[in-house]
Amino acid sequence: MFTYTVIQHQFHPDVPPPYVIALVELDEQPGLRVVANITGCDPAAVHIGQRVEPALEDHGERAAPVFTPVPS
């Protein structure tokens, strides 16, 4: 993970805080960075340099790309 921020303010009624939005640099293409949520962990445990892997978050008729921490 290149950098991130923890959102503490509720902007949408369906998305309760806190949650993490990160800029993730992909191993497959150095320099390519993707903005996505980090899920599946405590926001306080997120850190720069953390290894993450892609996942899909189910939202009924559609899915959202997210990243989850790689177990160490």
PDB file of N, CA and C in Angstrom:
ATOM      1  N   MET A   1       0.842  -1.162   0.000  1.00  0.00           N
ATOM      2  CA  MET A   1       0.000   0.000   0.000  1.00  0.00           C
ATOM      3  C   MET A   1       0.893   1.232   0.000  1.00  0.00           C
ATOM      4  N   PHE A   2       0.597   2.142  -0.888  1.00  0.00           N
ATOM      5  CA  PHE A   2       1.413   3.340  -1.037  1.00  0.00           C
ATOM      6  C   PHE A   2       1.079   4.387   0.028  1.00  0.00           C
ATOM      7  N   THR A   3      -0.199   4.696   0.187  1.00  0.00           N
ATOM      8  CA  THR A   3      -0.650   5.614   1.228  1.00  0.00           C
ATOM      9  C   THR A   3      -2.131   5.376   1.475  1.00  0.00           C
ATOM     10  N   TYR A   4      -2.676   5.956   2.534  1.00  0.00           N
ATOM     11  CA  TYR A   4      -4.077   5.733   2.876  1.00  0.00           C
ATOM     12  C   TYR A   4      -4.579   6.846   3.792  1.00  0.00           C
ATOM     13  N   THR A   5      -5.899   6.877   3.974  1.00  0.00           N
ATOM     14  CA  THR A   5      -6.516   7.746   4.957  1.00  0.00           C
ATOM     15  C   THR A   5      -7.672   6.988   5.594  1.00  0.00           C
ATOM     16  N   VAL A   6      -7.914   7.262   6.856  1.00  0.00           N
ATOM     17  CA  VAL A   6      -9.047   6.665   7.561  1.00  0.00           C
ATOM     18  C   VAL A   6     -10.152   7.716   7.612  1.00  0.00           C
ATOM     19  N   ILE A   7     -11.287   7.388   7.041  1.00  0.00           N
ATOM     20  CA  ILE A   7     -12.422   8.298   7.003  1.00  0.00           C
ATOM     21  C   ILE A   7     -13.201   8.164   8.309  1.00  0.00           C
ATOM     22  N   GLN A   8     -13.392   9.275   8.999  1.00  0.00           N
ATOM     23  CA  GLN A   8     -14.090   9.288  10.285  1.00  0.00           C
ATOM     24  C   GLN A   8     -15.480   9.919  10.194  1.00  0.00           C
ATOM     25  N   HIS A   9     -15.765  10.637   9.102  1.00  0.00           N
ATOM     26  CA  HIS A   9     -17.031  11.349   8.940  1.00  0.00           C
ATOM     27  C   HIS A   9     -17.933  10.565   7.993  1.00  0.00           C
ATOM     28  N   GLN A  10     -19.199  10.440   8.335  1.00  0.00           N
ATOM     29  CA  GLN A  10     -20.123   9.696   7.483  1.00  0.00           C
ATOM     30  C   GLN A  10     -20.602  10.582   6.339  1.00  0.00           C
ATOM     31  N   PHE A  11     -20.251  10.186   5.106  1.00  0.00           N
ATOM     32  CA  PHE A  11     -20.651  10.920   3.911  1.00  0.00           C
ATOM     33  C   PHE A  11     -21.887  10.309   3.255  1.00  0.00           C
ATOM     34  N   HIS A  12     -22.111   9.019   3.481  1.00  0.00           N
ATOM     35  CA  HIS A  12     -23.241   8.319   2.877  1.00  0.00           C
ATOM     36  C   HIS A  12     -23.902   7.465   3.953  1.00  0.00           C
ATOM     37  N   PRO A  13     -25.231   7.450   4.036  1.00  0.00           N
ATOM     38  CA  PRO A  13     -25.895   6.706   5.117  1.00  0.00           C
ATOM     39  C   PRO A  13     -25.646   5.198   5.096  1.00  0.00           C
ATOM     40  N   ASP A  14     -25.286   4.641   3.953  1.00  0.00           N
ATOM     41  CA  ASP A  14     -25.038   3.202   3.861  1.00  0.00           C
ATOM     42  C   ASP A  14     -23.593   2.811   4.153  1.00  0.00           C
ATOM     43  N   VAL A  15     -22.731   3.794   4.394  1.00  0.00           N
ATOM     44  CA  VAL A  15     -21.304   3.513   4.618  1.00  0.00           C
ATOM     45  C   VAL A  15     -20.884   4.138   5.947  1.00  0.00           C
ATOM     46  N   PRO A  16     -20.975   3.361   7.040  1.00  0.00           N
ATOM     47  CA  PRO A  16     -20.619   3.914   8.346  1.00  0.00           C
ATOM     48  C   PRO A  16     -19.102   4.010   8.527  1.00  0.00           C
ATOM     49  N   PRO A  17     -18.631   5.069   9.151  1.00  0.00           N
ATOM     50  CA  PRO A  17     -17.197   5.187   9.442  1.00  0.00           C
ATOM     51  C   PRO A  17     -16.849   4.367  10.682  1.00  0.00           C
ATOM     52  N   PRO A  18     -15.608   4.114  10.950  1.00  0.00           N
ATOM     53  CA  PRO A  18     -14.457   4.472  10.125  1.00  0.00           C
ATOM     54  C   PRO A  18     -14.240   3.448   9.012  1.00  0.00           C
ATOM     55  N   TYR A  19     -13.659   3.915   7.922  1.00  0.00           N
ATOM     56  CA  TYR A  19     -13.253   3.024   6.832  1.00  0.00           C
ATOM     57  C   TYR A  19     -12.003   3.610   6.186  1.00  0.00           C
ATOM     58  N   VAL A  20     -11.310   2.764   5.454  1.00  0.00           N
ATOM     59  CA  VAL A  20     -10.011   3.131   4.894  1.00  0.00           C
ATOM     60  C   VAL A  20     -10.106   3.258   3.374  1.00  0.00           C
ATOM     61  N   ILE A  21      -9.607   4.371   2.857  1.00  0.00           N
ATOM     62  CA  ILE A  21      -9.417   4.550   1.423  1.00  0.00           C
ATOM     63  C   ILE A  21      -7.913   4.627   1.199  1.00  0.00           C
ATOM     64  N   ALA A  22      -7.426   3.813   0.263  1.00  0.00           N
ATOM     65  CA  ALA A  22      -5.980   3.720   0.060  1.00  0.00           C
ATOM     66  C   ALA A  22      -5.599   3.910  -1.396  1.00  0.00           C
ATOM     67  N   LEU A  23      -4.361   4.292  -1.582  1.00  0.00           N
ATOM     68  CA  LEU A  23      -3.736   4.334  -2.893  1.00  0.00           C
ATOM     69  C   LEU A  23      -2.796   3.132  -2.915  1.00  0.00           C
ATOM     70  N   VAL A  24      -3.171   2.121  -3.700  1.00  0.00           N
ATOM     71  CA  VAL A  24      -2.446   0.850  -3.734  1.00  0.00           C
ATOM     72  C   VAL A  24      -1.623   0.787  -5.011  1.00  0.00           C
ATOM     73  N   GLU A  25      -0.312   0.550  -4.864  1.00  0.00           N
ATOM     74  CA  GLU A  25       0.554   0.369  -6.033  1.00  0.00           C
ATOM     75  C   GLU A  25       0.619  -1.112  -6.357  1.00  0.00           C
ATOM     76  N   LEU A  26       0.357  -1.451  -7.609  1.00  0.00           N
ATOM     77  CA  LEU A  26       0.305  -2.845  -8.018  1.00  0.00           C
ATOM     78  C   LEU A  26       1.696  -3.400  -8.307  1.00  0.00           C
ATOM     79  N   ASP A  27       1.976  -4.606  -7.794  1.00  0.00           N
ATOM     80  CA  ASP A  27       3.255  -5.277  -8.063  1.00  0.00           C
ATOM     81  C   ASP A  27       3.420  -5.554  -9.556  1.00  0.00           C
ATOM     82  N   GLU A  28       2.311  -5.860 -10.226  1.00  0.00           N
ATOM     83  CA  GLU A  28       2.350  -6.245 -11.636  1.00  0.00           C
ATOM     84  C   GLU A  28       2.775  -5.101 -12.557  1.00  0.00           C
ATOM     85  N   GLN A  29       2.599  -3.870 -12.100  1.00  0.00           N
ATOM     86  CA  GLN A  29       2.967  -2.724 -12.918  1.00  0.00           C
ATOM     87  C   GLN A  29       3.414  -1.577 -12.008  1.00  0.00           C
ATOM     88  N   PRO A  30       4.689  -1.546 -11.635  1.00  0.00           N
ATOM     89  CA  PRO A  30       5.182  -0.479 -10.765  1.00  0.00           C
ATOM     90  C   PRO A  30       4.830   0.900 -11.324  1.00  0.00           C
ATOM     91  N   GLY A  31       4.403   1.766 -10.441  1.00  0.00           N
ATOM     92  CA  GLY A  31       3.995   3.107 -10.838  1.00  0.00           C
ATOM     93  C   GLY A  31       2.497   3.232 -11.070  1.00  0.00           C
ATOM     94  N   LEU A  32       1.806   2.097 -11.298  1.00  0.00           N
ATOM     95  CA  LEU A  32       0.357   2.121 -11.459  1.00  0.00           C
ATOM     96  C   LEU A  32      -0.267   2.044 -10.076  1.00  0.00           C
ATOM     97  N   ARG A  33      -1.062   3.036  -9.737  1.00  0.00           N
ATOM     98  CA  ARG A  33      -1.686   3.102  -8.414  1.00  0.00           C
ATOM     99  C   ARG A  33      -3.193   3.159  -8.570  1.00  0.00           C
ATOM    100  N   VAL A  34      -3.886   2.421  -7.707  1.00  0.00           N
ATOM    101  CA  VAL A  34      -5.333   2.290  -7.751  1.00  0.00           C
ATOM    102  C   VAL A  34      -5.913   2.790  -6.431  1.00  0.00           C
ATOM    103  N   VAL A  35      -6.963   3.602  -6.508  1.00  0.00           N
ATOM    104  CA  VAL A  35      -7.663   4.057  -5.305  1.00  0.00           C
ATOM    105  C   VAL A  35      -8.766   3.058  -5.005  1.00  0.00           C
ATOM    106  N   ALA A  36      -8.789   2.544  -3.770  1.00  0.00           N
ATOM    107  CA  ALA A  36      -9.808   1.563  -3.387  1.00  0.00           C
ATOM    108  C   ALA A  36      -9.927   1.509  -1.873  1.00  0.00           C
ATOM    109  N   ASN A  37     -11.014   0.908  -1.409  1.00  0.00           N
ATOM    110  CA  ASN A  37     -11.189   0.690   0.024  1.00  0.00           C
ATOM    111  C   ASN A  37     -10.349  -0.500   0.473  1.00  0.00           C
ATOM    112  N   ILE A  38      -9.899  -0.438   1.722  1.00  0.00           N
ATOM    113  CA  ILE A  38      -9.240  -1.572   2.372  1.00  0.00           C
ATOM    114  C   ILE A  38     -10.260  -2.144   3.336  1.00  0.00           C
ATOM    115  N   THR A  39     -10.579  -3.417   3.185  1.00  0.00           N
ATOM    116  CA  THR A  39     -11.604  -4.054   4.014  1.00  0.00           C
ATOM    117  C   THR A  39     -11.020  -5.256   4.741  1.00  0.00           C
ATOM    118  N   GLY A  40     -11.795  -5.801   5.668  1.00  0.00           N
ATOM    119  CA  GLY A  40     -11.404  -7.024   6.345  1.00  0.00           C
ATOM    120  C   GLY A  40     -10.377  -6.839   7.433  1.00  0.00           C
ATOM    121  N   CYS A  41     -10.256  -5.615   7.967  1.00  0.00           N
ATOM    122  CA  CYS A  41      -9.305  -5.384   9.050  1.00  0.00           C
ATOM    123  C   CYS A  41      -9.725  -4.155   9.849  1.00  0.00           C
ATOM    124  N   ASP A  42      -9.141  -4.016  11.017  1.00  0.00           N
ATOM    125  CA  ASP A  42      -9.347  -2.839  11.851  1.00  0.00           C
ATOM    126  C   ASP A  42      -8.625  -1.661  11.191  1.00  0.00           C
ATOM    127  N   PRO A  43      -9.302  -0.541  10.950  1.00  0.00           N
ATOM    128  CA  PRO A  43      -8.623   0.605  10.330  1.00  0.00           C
ATOM    129  C   PRO A  43      -7.362   1.046  11.072  1.00  0.00           C
ATOM    130  N   ALA A  44      -7.312   0.841  12.378  1.00  0.00           N
ATOM    131  CA  ALA A  44      -6.121   1.224  13.157  1.00  0.00           C
ATOM    132  C   ALA A  44      -4.926   0.324  12.857  1.00  0.00           C
ATOM    133  N   ALA A  45      -5.163  -0.845  12.258  1.00  0.00           N
ATOM    134  CA  ALA A  45      -4.082  -1.786  11.962  1.00  0.00           C
ATOM    135  C   ALA A  45      -3.459  -1.562  10.586  1.00  0.00           C
ATOM    136  N   VAL A  46      -4.036  -0.675   9.784  1.00  0.00           N
ATOM    137  CA  VAL A  46      -3.533  -0.422   8.430  1.00  0.00           C
ATOM    138  C   VAL A  46      -2.252   0.402   8.502  1.00  0.00           C
ATOM    139  N   HIS A  47      -1.292   0.098   7.615  1.00  0.00           N
ATOM    140  CA  HIS A  47      -0.044   0.868   7.607  1.00  0.00           C
ATOM    141  C   HIS A  47       0.542   0.919   6.193  1.00  0.00           C
ATOM    142  N   ILE A  48       1.310   1.961   5.933  1.00  0.00           N
ATOM    143  CA  ILE A  48       1.981   2.126   4.650  1.00  0.00           C
ATOM    144  C   ILE A  48       2.961   0.973   4.463  1.00  0.00           C
ATOM    145  N   GLY A  49       2.996   0.433   3.268  1.00  0.00           N
ATOM    146  CA  GLY A  49       3.862  -0.701   2.968  1.00  0.00           C
ATOM    147  C   GLY A  49       3.184  -2.045   3.195  1.00  0.00           C
ATOM    148  N   GLN A  50       1.990  -2.034   3.753  1.00  0.00           N
ATOM    149  CA  GLN A  50       1.263  -3.275   4.027  1.00  0.00           C
ATOM    150  C   GLN A  50       0.921  -3.975   2.718  1.00  0.00           C
ATOM    151  N   ARG A  51       1.090  -5.287   2.692  1.00  0.00           N
ATOM    152  CA  ARG A  51       0.736  -6.086   1.514  1.00  0.00           C
ATOM    153  C   ARG A  51      -0.770  -6.310   1.519  1.00  0.00           C
ATOM    154  N   VAL A  52      -1.395  -6.103   0.364  1.00  0.00           N
ATOM    155  CA  VAL A  52      -2.829  -6.315   0.209  1.00  0.00           C
ATOM    156  C   VAL A  52      -3.081  -7.126  -1.050  1.00  0.00           C
ATOM    157  N   GLU A  53      -4.277  -7.707  -1.131  1.00  0.00           N
ATOM    158  CA  GLU A  53      -4.659  -8.467  -2.308  1.00  0.00           C
ATOM    159  C   GLU A  53      -6.047  -8.033  -2.752  1.00  0.00           C
ATOM    160  N   PRO A  54      -6.347  -8.133  -4.039  1.00  0.00           N
ATOM    161  CA  PRO A  54      -7.651  -7.696  -4.530  1.00  0.00           C
ATOM    162  C   PRO A  54      -8.767  -8.645  -4.103  1.00  0.00           C
ATOM    163  N   ALA A  55      -9.954  -8.075  -3.969  1.00  0.00           N
ATOM    164  CA  ALA A  55     -11.153  -8.842  -3.646  1.00  0.00           C
ATOM    165  C   ALA A  55     -12.341  -8.098  -4.237  1.00  0.00           C
ATOM    166  N   LEU A  56     -13.500  -8.734  -4.218  1.00  0.00           N
ATOM    167  CA  LEU A  56     -14.732  -8.087  -4.660  1.00  0.00           C
ATOM    168  C   LEU A  56     -15.701  -8.045  -3.489  1.00  0.00           C
ATOM    169  N   GLU A  57     -16.317  -6.894  -3.289  1.00  0.00           N
ATOM    170  CA  GLU A  57     -17.306  -6.709  -2.230  1.00  0.00           C
ATOM    171  C   GLU A  57     -18.679  -6.749  -2.893  1.00  0.00           C
ATOM    172  N   ASP A  58     -19.511  -7.712  -2.496  1.00  0.00           N
ATOM    173  CA  ASP A  58     -20.814  -7.934  -3.119  1.00  0.00           C
ATOM    174  C   ASP A  58     -21.813  -6.865  -2.691  1.00  0.00           C
ATOM    175  N   HIS A  59     -22.463  -6.255  -3.678  1.00  0.00           N
ATOM    176  CA  HIS A  59     -23.504  -5.265  -3.437  1.00  0.00           C
ATOM    177  C   HIS A  59     -24.753  -5.620  -4.238  1.00  0.00           C
ATOM    178  N   GLY A  60     -25.145  -6.885  -4.159  1.00  0.00           N
ATOM    179  CA  GLY A  60     -26.340  -7.323  -4.875  1.00  0.00           C
ATOM    180  C   GLY A  60     -26.082  -7.515  -6.351  1.00  0.00           C
ATOM    181  N   GLU A  61     -26.628  -6.615  -7.171  1.00  0.00           N
ATOM    182  CA  GLU A  61     -26.490  -6.740  -8.618  1.00  0.00           C
ATOM    183  C   GLU A  61     -25.116  -6.332  -9.134  1.00  0.00           C
ATOM    184  N   ARG A  62     -24.292  -5.771  -8.274  1.00  0.00           N
ATOM    185  CA  ARG A  62     -22.950  -5.358  -8.709  1.00  0.00           C
ATOM    186  C   ARG A  62     -21.950  -5.603  -7.586  1.00  0.00           C
ATOM    187  N   ALA A  63     -20.706  -5.571  -7.932  1.00  0.00           N
ATOM    188  CA  ALA A  63     -19.636  -5.776  -6.957  1.00  0.00           C
ATOM    189  C   ALA A  63     -18.648  -4.632  -7.055  1.00  0.00           C
ATOM    190  N   ALA A  64     -18.029  -4.302  -5.933  1.00  0.00           N
ATOM    191  CA  ALA A  64     -17.046  -3.228  -5.902  1.00  0.00           C
ATOM    192  C   ALA A  64     -15.661  -3.824  -5.662  1.00  0.00           C
ATOM    193  N   PRO A  65     -14.654  -3.390  -6.434  1.00  0.00           N
ATOM    194  CA  PRO A  65     -13.296  -3.875  -6.162  1.00  0.00           C
ATOM    195  C   PRO A  65     -12.760  -3.237  -4.899  1.00  0.00           C
ATOM    196  N   VAL A  66     -12.175  -4.059  -4.041  1.00  0.00           N
ATOM    197  CA  VAL A  66     -11.564  -3.619  -2.791  1.00  0.00           C
ATOM    198  C   VAL A  66     -10.252  -4.365  -2.630  1.00  0.00           C
ATOM    199  N   PHE A  67      -9.508  -4.038  -1.595  1.00  0.00           N
ATOM    200  CA  PHE A  67      -8.303  -4.785  -1.242  1.00  0.00           C
ATOM    201  C   PHE A  67      -8.410  -5.220   0.208  1.00  0.00           C
ATOM    202  N   THR A  68      -7.855  -6.390   0.518  1.00  0.00           N
ATOM    203  CA  THR A  68      -7.804  -6.889   1.889  1.00  0.00           C
ATOM    204  C   THR A  68      -6.352  -7.179   2.247  1.00  0.00           C
ATOM    205  N   PRO A  69      -5.991  -7.043   3.526  1.00  0.00           N
ATOM    206  CA  PRO A  69      -4.616  -7.321   3.925  1.00  0.00           C
ATOM    207  C   PRO A  69      -4.233  -8.784   3.679  1.00  0.00           C
ATOM    208  N   VAL A  70      -3.001  -8.983   3.280  1.00  0.00           N
ATOM    209  CA  VAL A  70      -2.448 -10.327   3.115  1.00  0.00           C
ATOM    210  C   VAL A  70      -2.014 -10.802   4.499  1.00  0.00           C
ATOM    211  N   PRO A  71      -2.477 -11.983   4.921  1.00  0.00           N
ATOM    212  CA  PRO A  71      -2.053 -12.483   6.238  1.00  0.00           C
ATOM    213  C   PRO A  71      -0.526 -12.622   6.299  1.00  0.00           C
ATOM    214  N   SER A  72       0.044 -12.221   7.413  1.00  0.00           N
ATOM    215  CA  SER A  72       1.512 -12.319   7.533  1.00  0.00           C
ATOM    216  C   SER A  72       1.953 -13.617   8.136  1.00  0.00           C
TER     217      SER A  72
END
